[in-house]
Amino acid sequence: MALHYIFKMKKEEIIPEISAMQGVIILAADCGYSRIAVELATYFEDASLRRLDESVWEACLSSSAQNLYVSIGDMA
């Protein structure tokens, strides 16, 4: 439902509040939708004057790594 409203806001050229956007991005990342999370983060930073917290980008990175089955142990 949250994604529905984010896309509706994007269509009407409304920039969501940063706290709402960060919550949706982290939720997407936690649910395993890393690509959507990264696309939302990129969209927000391109459209807004504000930057997302580092923790949001870390959630995207962690989700991406988990979806690709990459871990620190695999890199050694």
PDB file of N, CA and C in Angstrom:
ATOM      1  N   MET A   1       0.822  -1.188   0.000  1.00  0.00           N
ATOM      2  CA  MET A   1       0.000   0.000   0.000  1.00  0.00           C
ATOM      3  C   MET A   1       0.872   1.259   0.000  1.00  0.00           C
ATOM      4  N   ALA A   2       1.968   1.186   0.768  1.00  0.00           N
ATOM      5  CA  ALA A   2       2.864   2.341   0.844  1.00  0.00           C
ATOM      6  C   ALA A   2       3.467   2.653  -0.527  1.00  0.00           C
ATOM      7  N   LEU A   3       3.855   1.615  -1.258  1.00  0.00           N
ATOM      8  CA  LEU A   3       4.407   1.838  -2.598  1.00  0.00           C
ATOM      9  C   LEU A   3       3.388   2.480  -3.522  1.00  0.00           C
ATOM     10  N   HIS A   4       2.150   2.066  -3.386  1.00  0.00           N
ATOM     11  CA  HIS A   4       1.078   2.641  -4.199  1.00  0.00           C
ATOM     12  C   HIS A   4       1.024   4.159  -4.014  1.00  0.00           C
ATOM     13  N   TYR A   5       1.080   4.597  -2.764  1.00  0.00           N
ATOM     14  CA  TYR A   5       1.009   6.034  -2.495  1.00  0.00           C
ATOM     15  C   TYR A   5       2.274   6.766  -2.926  1.00  0.00           C
ATOM     16  N   ILE A   6       3.425   6.117  -2.779  1.00  0.00           N
ATOM     17  CA  ILE A   6       4.668   6.739  -3.241  1.00  0.00           C
ATOM     18  C   ILE A   6       4.608   6.964  -4.747  1.00  0.00           C
ATOM     19  N   PHE A   7       4.176   5.954  -5.503  1.00  0.00           N
ATOM     20  CA  PHE A   7       4.094   6.092  -6.960  1.00  0.00           C
ATOM     21  C   PHE A   7       3.023   7.101  -7.369  1.00  0.00           C
ATOM     22  N   LYS A   8       1.940   7.156  -6.612  1.00  0.00           N
ATOM     23  CA  LYS A   8       0.905   8.147  -6.895  1.00  0.00           C
ATOM     24  C   LYS A   8       1.447   9.566  -6.666  1.00  0.00           C
ATOM     25  N   MET A   9       2.217   9.742  -5.596  1.00  0.00           N
ATOM     26  CA  MET A   9       2.824  11.038  -5.316  1.00  0.00           C
ATOM     27  C   MET A   9       3.829  11.402  -6.405  1.00  0.00           C
ATOM     28  N   LYS A  10       4.595  10.411  -6.855  1.00  0.00           N
ATOM     29  CA  LYS A  10       5.579  10.665  -7.913  1.00  0.00           C
ATOM     30  C   LYS A  10       4.881  11.133  -9.183  1.00  0.00           C
ATOM     31  N   LYS A  11       3.772  10.489  -9.515  1.00  0.00           N
ATOM     32  CA  LYS A  11       3.012  10.843 -10.718  1.00  0.00           C
ATOM     33  C   LYS A  11       2.515  12.286 -10.646  1.00  0.00           C
ATOM     34  N   GLU A  12       2.150  12.737  -9.459  1.00  0.00           N
ATOM     35  CA  GLU A  12       1.647  14.095  -9.281  1.00  0.00           C
ATOM     36  C   GLU A  12       2.757  15.080  -8.910  1.00  0.00           C
ATOM     37  N   GLU A  13       4.017  14.601  -8.992  1.00  0.00           N
ATOM     38  CA  GLU A  13       5.196  15.424  -8.718  1.00  0.00           C
ATOM     39  C   GLU A  13       5.208  15.999  -7.296  1.00  0.00           C
ATOM     40  N   ILE A  14       4.796  15.168  -6.349  1.00  0.00           N
ATOM     41  CA  ILE A  14       4.825  15.522  -4.934  1.00  0.00           C
ATOM     42  C   ILE A  14       5.973  14.751  -4.294  1.00  0.00           C
ATOM     43  N   ILE A  15       6.838  15.450  -3.596  1.00  0.00           N
ATOM     44  CA  ILE A  15       7.966  14.809  -2.925  1.00  0.00           C
ATOM     45  C   ILE A  15       7.523  14.429  -1.506  1.00  0.00           C
ATOM     46  N   PRO A  16       7.625  13.146  -1.154  1.00  0.00           N
ATOM     47  CA  PRO A  16       7.226  12.725   0.194  1.00  0.00           C
ATOM     48  C   PRO A  16       8.193  13.260   1.260  1.00  0.00           C
ATOM     49  N   GLU A  17       7.737  13.273   2.494  1.00  0.00           N
ATOM     50  CA  GLU A  17       8.615  13.658   3.593  1.00  0.00           C
ATOM     51  C   GLU A  17       9.718  12.620   3.732  1.00  0.00           C
ATOM     52  N   ILE A  18      10.876  13.084   4.179  1.00  0.00           N
ATOM     53  CA  ILE A  18      12.037  12.203   4.256  1.00  0.00           C
ATOM     54  C   ILE A  18      11.804  11.029   5.203  1.00  0.00           C
ATOM     55  N   SER A  19      11.152  11.258   6.324  1.00  0.00           N
ATOM     56  CA  SER A  19      10.932  10.162   7.282  1.00  0.00           C
ATOM     57  C   SER A  19      10.028   9.084   6.680  1.00  0.00           C
ATOM     58  N   ALA A  20       9.022   9.485   5.933  1.00  0.00           N
ATOM     59  CA  ALA A  20       8.132   8.520   5.290  1.00  0.00           C
ATOM     60  C   ALA A  20       8.877   7.733   4.218  1.00  0.00           C
ATOM     61  N   MET A  21       9.664   8.435   3.443  1.00  0.00           N
ATOM     62  CA  MET A  21      10.399   7.785   2.362  1.00  0.00           C
ATOM     63  C   MET A  21      11.439   6.808   2.913  1.00  0.00           C
ATOM     64  N   GLN A  22      12.128   7.222   3.963  1.00  0.00           N
ATOM     65  CA  GLN A  22      13.123   6.333   4.568  1.00  0.00           C
ATOM     66  C   GLN A  22      12.462   5.067   5.099  1.00  0.00           C
ATOM     67  N   GLY A  23      11.301   5.209   5.712  1.00  0.00           N
ATOM     68  CA  GLY A  23      10.579   4.048   6.223  1.00  0.00           C
ATOM     69  C   GLY A  23      10.178   3.079   5.129  1.00  0.00           C
ATOM     70  N   VAL A  24       9.695   3.606   4.025  1.00  0.00           N
ATOM     71  CA  VAL A  24       9.271   2.757   2.908  1.00  0.00           C
ATOM     72  C   VAL A  24      10.480   2.062   2.280  1.00  0.00           C
ATOM     73  N   ILE A  25      11.575   2.780   2.140  1.00  0.00           N
ATOM     74  CA  ILE A  25      12.779   2.192   1.542  1.00  0.00           C
ATOM     75  C   ILE A  25      13.320   1.073   2.423  1.00  0.00           C
ATOM     76  N   ILE A  26      13.399   1.311   3.721  1.00  0.00           N
ATOM     77  CA  ILE A  26      13.894   0.282   4.640  1.00  0.00           C
ATOM     78  C   ILE A  26      12.948  -0.916   4.664  1.00  0.00           C
ATOM     79  N   LEU A  27      11.655  -0.675   4.622  1.00  0.00           N
ATOM     80  CA  LEU A  27      10.687  -1.769   4.583  1.00  0.00           C
ATOM     81  C   LEU A  27      10.884  -2.615   3.327  1.00  0.00           C
ATOM     82  N   ALA A  28      11.040  -1.961   2.187  1.00  0.00           N
ATOM     83  CA  ALA A  28      11.274  -2.697   0.936  1.00  0.00           C
ATOM     84  C   ALA A  28      12.557  -3.520   1.023  1.00  0.00           C
ATOM     85  N   ALA A  29      13.608  -2.925   1.562  1.00  0.00           N
ATOM     86  CA  ALA A  29      14.885  -3.636   1.696  1.00  0.00           C
ATOM     87  C   ALA A  29      14.749  -4.823   2.641  1.00  0.00           C
ATOM     88  N   ASP A  30      14.081  -4.627   3.767  1.00  0.00           N
ATOM     89  CA  ASP A  30      13.900  -5.705   4.747  1.00  0.00           C
ATOM     90  C   ASP A  30      13.044  -6.849   4.201  1.00  0.00           C
ATOM     91  N   CYS A  31      12.144  -6.534   3.293  1.00  0.00           N
ATOM     92  CA  CYS A  31      11.279  -7.558   2.704  1.00  0.00           C
ATOM     93  C   CYS A  31      11.935  -8.263   1.512  1.00  0.00           C
ATOM     94  N   GLY A  32      13.171  -7.872   1.192  1.00  0.00           N
ATOM     95  CA  GLY A  32      13.896  -8.529   0.109  1.00  0.00           C
ATOM     96  C   GLY A  32      13.749  -7.874  -1.247  1.00  0.00           C
ATOM     97  N   TYR A  33      13.133  -6.714  -1.296  1.00  0.00           N
ATOM     98  CA  TYR A  33      12.965  -5.997  -2.556  1.00  0.00           C
ATOM     99  C   TYR A  33      14.070  -4.953  -2.693  1.00  0.00           C
ATOM    100  N   SER A  34      15.299  -5.440  -2.791  1.00  0.00           N
ATOM    101  CA  SER A  34      16.450  -4.535  -2.796  1.00  0.00           C
ATOM    102  C   SER A  34      16.468  -3.622  -4.011  1.00  0.00           C
ATOM    103  N   ARG A  35      16.082  -4.125  -5.153  1.00  0.00           N
ATOM    104  CA  ARG A  35      16.098  -3.284  -6.364  1.00  0.00           C
ATOM    105  C   ARG A  35      15.100  -2.140  -6.256  1.00  0.00           C
ATOM    106  N   ILE A  36      13.908  -2.423  -5.754  1.00  0.00           N
ATOM    107  CA  ILE A  36      12.913  -1.371  -5.554  1.00  0.00           C
ATOM    108  C   ILE A  36      13.419  -0.364  -4.528  1.00  0.00           C
ATOM    109  N   ALA A  37      14.041  -0.856  -3.464  1.00  0.00           N
ATOM    110  CA  ALA A  37      14.569   0.026  -2.424  1.00  0.00           C
ATOM    111  C   ALA A  37      15.610   0.983  -3.000  1.00  0.00           C
ATOM    112  N   VAL A  38      16.522   0.467  -3.802  1.00  0.00           N
ATOM    113  CA  VAL A  38      17.565   1.306  -4.409  1.00  0.00           C
ATOM    114  C   VAL A  38      16.949   2.307  -5.381  1.00  0.00           C
ATOM    115  N   GLU A  39      15.987   1.863  -6.175  1.00  0.00           N
ATOM    116  CA  GLU A  39      15.336   2.775  -7.126  1.00  0.00           C
ATOM    117  C   GLU A  39      14.584   3.889  -6.398  1.00  0.00           C
ATOM    118  N   LEU A  40      13.905   3.548  -5.304  1.00  0.00           N
ATOM    119  CA  LEU A  40      13.206   4.571  -4.519  1.00  0.00           C
ATOM    120  C   LEU A  40      14.193   5.558  -3.900  1.00  0.00           C
ATOM    121  N   ALA A  41      15.296   5.047  -3.384  1.00  0.00           N
ATOM    122  CA  ALA A  41      16.309   5.909  -2.769  1.00  0.00           C
ATOM    123  C   ALA A  41      16.914   6.852  -3.808  1.00  0.00           C
ATOM    124  N   THR A  42      17.220   6.321  -4.961  1.00  0.00           N
ATOM    125  CA  THR A  42      17.793   7.136  -6.042  1.00  0.00           C
ATOM    126  C   THR A  42      16.793   8.188  -6.507  1.00  0.00           C
ATOM    127  N   TYR A  43      15.539   7.778  -6.689  1.00  0.00           N
ATOM    128  CA  TYR A  43      14.501   8.722  -7.090  1.00  0.00           C
ATOM    129  C   TYR A  43      14.390   9.857  -6.079  1.00  0.00           C
ATOM    130  N   PHE A  44      14.329   9.515  -4.792  1.00  0.00           N
ATOM    131  CA  PHE A  44      14.142  10.539  -3.770  1.00  0.00           C
ATOM    132  C   PHE A  44      15.305  11.526  -3.757  1.00  0.00           C
ATOM    133  N   GLU A  45      16.519  11.021  -3.817  1.00  0.00           N
ATOM    134  CA  GLU A  45      17.676  11.921  -3.764  1.00  0.00           C
ATOM    135  C   GLU A  45      17.791  12.765  -5.032  1.00  0.00           C
ATOM    136  N   ASP A  46      17.340  12.250  -6.164  1.00  0.00           N
ATOM    137  CA  ASP A  46      17.346  13.035  -7.397  1.00  0.00           C
ATOM    138  C   ASP A  46      16.277  14.125  -7.391  1.00  0.00           C
ATOM    139  N   ALA A  47      15.131  13.823  -6.780  1.00  0.00           N
ATOM    140  CA  ALA A  47      13.991  14.744  -6.811  1.00  0.00           C
ATOM    141  C   ALA A  47      13.974  15.719  -5.644  1.00  0.00           C
ATOM    142  N   SER A  48      14.687  15.410  -4.576  1.00  0.00           N
ATOM    143  CA  SER A  48      14.626  16.201  -3.362  1.00  0.00           C
ATOM    144  C   SER A  48      15.943  16.920  -3.110  1.00  0.00           C
ATOM    145  N   LEU A  49      15.883  17.930  -2.287  1.00  0.00           N
ATOM    146  CA  LEU A  49      17.097  18.628  -1.871  1.00  0.00           C
ATOM    147  C   LEU A  49      17.774  17.923  -0.705  1.00  0.00           C
ATOM    148  N   ARG A  50      17.088  16.964  -0.111  1.00  0.00           N
ATOM    149  CA  ARG A  50      17.591  16.267   1.080  1.00  0.00           C
ATOM    150  C   ARG A  50      18.247  14.958   0.687  1.00  0.00           C
ATOM    151  N   ARG A  51      19.104  14.493   1.564  1.00  0.00           N
ATOM    152  CA  ARG A  51      19.792  13.217   1.376  1.00  0.00           C
ATOM    153  C   ARG A  51      19.314  12.236   2.441  1.00  0.00           C
ATOM    154  N   LEU A  52      19.224  10.983   2.057  1.00  0.00           N
ATOM    155  CA  LEU A  52      18.800   9.943   2.975  1.00  0.00           C
ATOM    156  C   LEU A  52      19.907   9.638   3.976  1.00  0.00           C
ATOM    157  N   ASP A  53      19.507   9.151   5.137  1.00  0.00           N
ATOM    158  CA  ASP A  53      20.476   8.740   6.145  1.00  0.00           C
ATOM    159  C   ASP A  53      21.324   7.591   5.607  1.00  0.00           C
ATOM    160  N   GLU A  54      22.528   7.487   6.117  1.00  0.00           N
ATOM    161  CA  GLU A  54      23.405   6.396   5.714  1.00  0.00           C
ATOM    162  C   GLU A  54      22.790   5.036   6.029  1.00  0.00           C
ATOM    163  N   SER A  55      22.014   4.966   7.103  1.00  0.00           N
ATOM    164  CA  SER A  55      21.400   3.690   7.487  1.00  0.00           C
ATOM    165  C   SER A  55      20.445   3.178   6.411  1.00  0.00           C
ATOM    166  N   VAL A  56      19.827   4.084   5.664  1.00  0.00           N
ATOM    167  CA  VAL A  56      18.921   3.687   4.589  1.00  0.00           C
ATOM    168  C   VAL A  56      19.727   3.038   3.465  1.00  0.00           C
ATOM    169  N   TRP A  57      20.822   3.661   3.107  1.00  0.00           N
ATOM    170  CA  TRP A  57      21.684   3.087   2.064  1.00  0.00           C
ATOM    171  C   TRP A  57      22.306   1.776   2.527  1.00  0.00           C
ATOM    172  N   GLU A  58      22.627   1.683   3.806  1.00  0.00           N
ATOM    173  CA  GLU A  58      23.172   0.433   4.345  1.00  0.00           C
ATOM    174  C   GLU A  58      22.127  -0.681   4.257  1.00  0.00           C
ATOM    175  N   ALA A  59      20.864  -0.362   4.518  1.00  0.00           N
ATOM    176  CA  ALA A  59      19.789  -1.360   4.403  1.00  0.00           C
ATOM    177  C   ALA A  59      19.664  -1.835   2.956  1.00  0.00           C
ATOM    178  N   CYS A  60      19.784  -0.912   2.011  1.00  0.00           N
ATOM    179  CA  CYS A  60      19.724  -1.271   0.585  1.00  0.00           C
ATOM    180  C   CYS A  60      20.895  -2.177   0.213  1.00  0.00           C
ATOM    181  N   LEU A  61      22.088  -1.818   0.672  1.00  0.00           N
ATOM    182  CA  LEU A  61      23.281  -2.604   0.376  1.00  0.00           C
ATOM    183  C   LEU A  61      23.189  -4.000   0.991  1.00  0.00           C
ATOM    184  N   SER A  62      22.761  -4.066   2.235  1.00  0.00           N
ATOM    185  CA  SER A  62      22.624  -5.343   2.917  1.00  0.00           C
ATOM    186  C   SER A  62      21.600  -6.233   2.217  1.00  0.00           C
ATOM    187  N   SER A  63      20.478  -5.658   1.839  1.00  0.00           N
ATOM    188  CA  SER A  63      19.445  -6.412   1.146  1.00  0.00           C
ATOM    189  C   SER A  63      19.945  -6.910  -0.209  1.00  0.00           C
ATOM    190  N   SER A  64      20.670  -6.062  -0.920  1.00  0.00           N
ATOM    191  CA  SER A  64      21.222  -6.461  -2.218  1.00  0.00           C
ATOM    192  C   SER A  64      22.186  -7.626  -2.056  1.00  0.00           C
ATOM    193  N   ALA A  65      23.040  -7.535  -1.053  1.00  0.00           N
ATOM    194  CA  ALA A  65      24.005  -8.605  -0.814  1.00  0.00           C
ATOM    195  C   ALA A  65      23.299  -9.906  -0.438  1.00  0.00           C
ATOM    196  N   GLN A  66      22.285  -9.825   0.389  1.00  0.00           N
ATOM    197  CA  GLN A  66      21.561 -11.031   0.799  1.00  0.00           C
ATOM    198  C   GLN A  66      20.831 -11.657  -0.385  1.00  0.00           C
ATOM    199  N   ASN A  67      20.287 -10.841  -1.257  1.00  0.00           N
ATOM    200  CA  ASN A  67      19.567 -11.367  -2.422  1.00  0.00           C
ATOM    201  C   ASN A  67      20.494 -11.994  -3.435  1.00  0.00           C
ATOM    202  N   LEU A  68      21.745 -11.585  -3.421  1.00  0.00           N
ATOM    203  CA  LEU A  68      22.725 -12.191  -4.325  1.00  0.00           C
ATOM    204  C   LEU A  68      23.507 -13.306  -3.647  1.00  0.00           C
ATOM    205  N   TYR A  69      23.108 -13.616  -2.405  1.00  0.00           N
ATOM    206  CA  TYR A  69      23.734 -14.681  -1.622  1.00  0.00           C
ATOM    207  C   TYR A  69      25.225 -14.457  -1.438  1.00  0.00           C
ATOM    208  N   VAL A  70      25.589 -13.214  -1.234  1.00  0.00           N
ATOM    209  CA  VAL A  70      26.980 -12.858  -0.997  1.00  0.00           C
ATOM    210  C   VAL A  70      27.147 -12.600   0.493  1.00  0.00           C
ATOM    211  N   SER A  71      28.217 -13.119   1.045  1.00  0.00           N
ATOM    212  CA  SER A  71      28.512 -12.851   2.450  1.00  0.00           C
ATOM    213  C   SER A  71      30.000 -12.628   2.599  1.00  0.00           C
ATOM    214  N   ILE A  72      30.391 -12.118   3.729  1.00  0.00           N
ATOM    215  CA  ILE A  72      31.794 -11.863   4.005  1.00  0.00           C
ATOM    216  C   ILE A  72      32.593 -13.162   3.900  1.00  0.00           C
ATOM    217  N   GLY A  73      32.043 -14.249   4.367  1.00  0.00           N
ATOM    218  CA  GLY A  73      32.716 -15.540   4.305  1.00  0.00           C
ATOM    219  C   GLY A  73      32.991 -16.003   2.879  1.00  0.00           C
ATOM    220  N   ASP A  74      32.096 -15.653   1.954  1.00  0.00           N
ATOM    221  CA  ASP A  74      32.275 -16.029   0.551  1.00  0.00           C
ATOM    222  C   ASP A  74      33.412 -15.269  -0.101  1.00  0.00           C
ATOM    223  N   MET A  75      33.741 -14.101   0.441  1.00  0.00           N
ATOM    224  CA  MET A  75      34.750 -13.254  -0.167  1.00  0.00           C
ATOM    225  C   MET A  75      36.166 -13.673   0.239  1.00  0.00           C
ATOM    226  N   ALA A  76      36.296 -14.464   1.274  1.00  0.00           N
ATOM    227  CA  ALA A  76      37.623 -14.843   1.766  1.00  0.00           C
ATOM    228  C   ALA A  76      38.211 -15.983   0.963  1.00  0.00           C
TER     229      ALA A  76
END
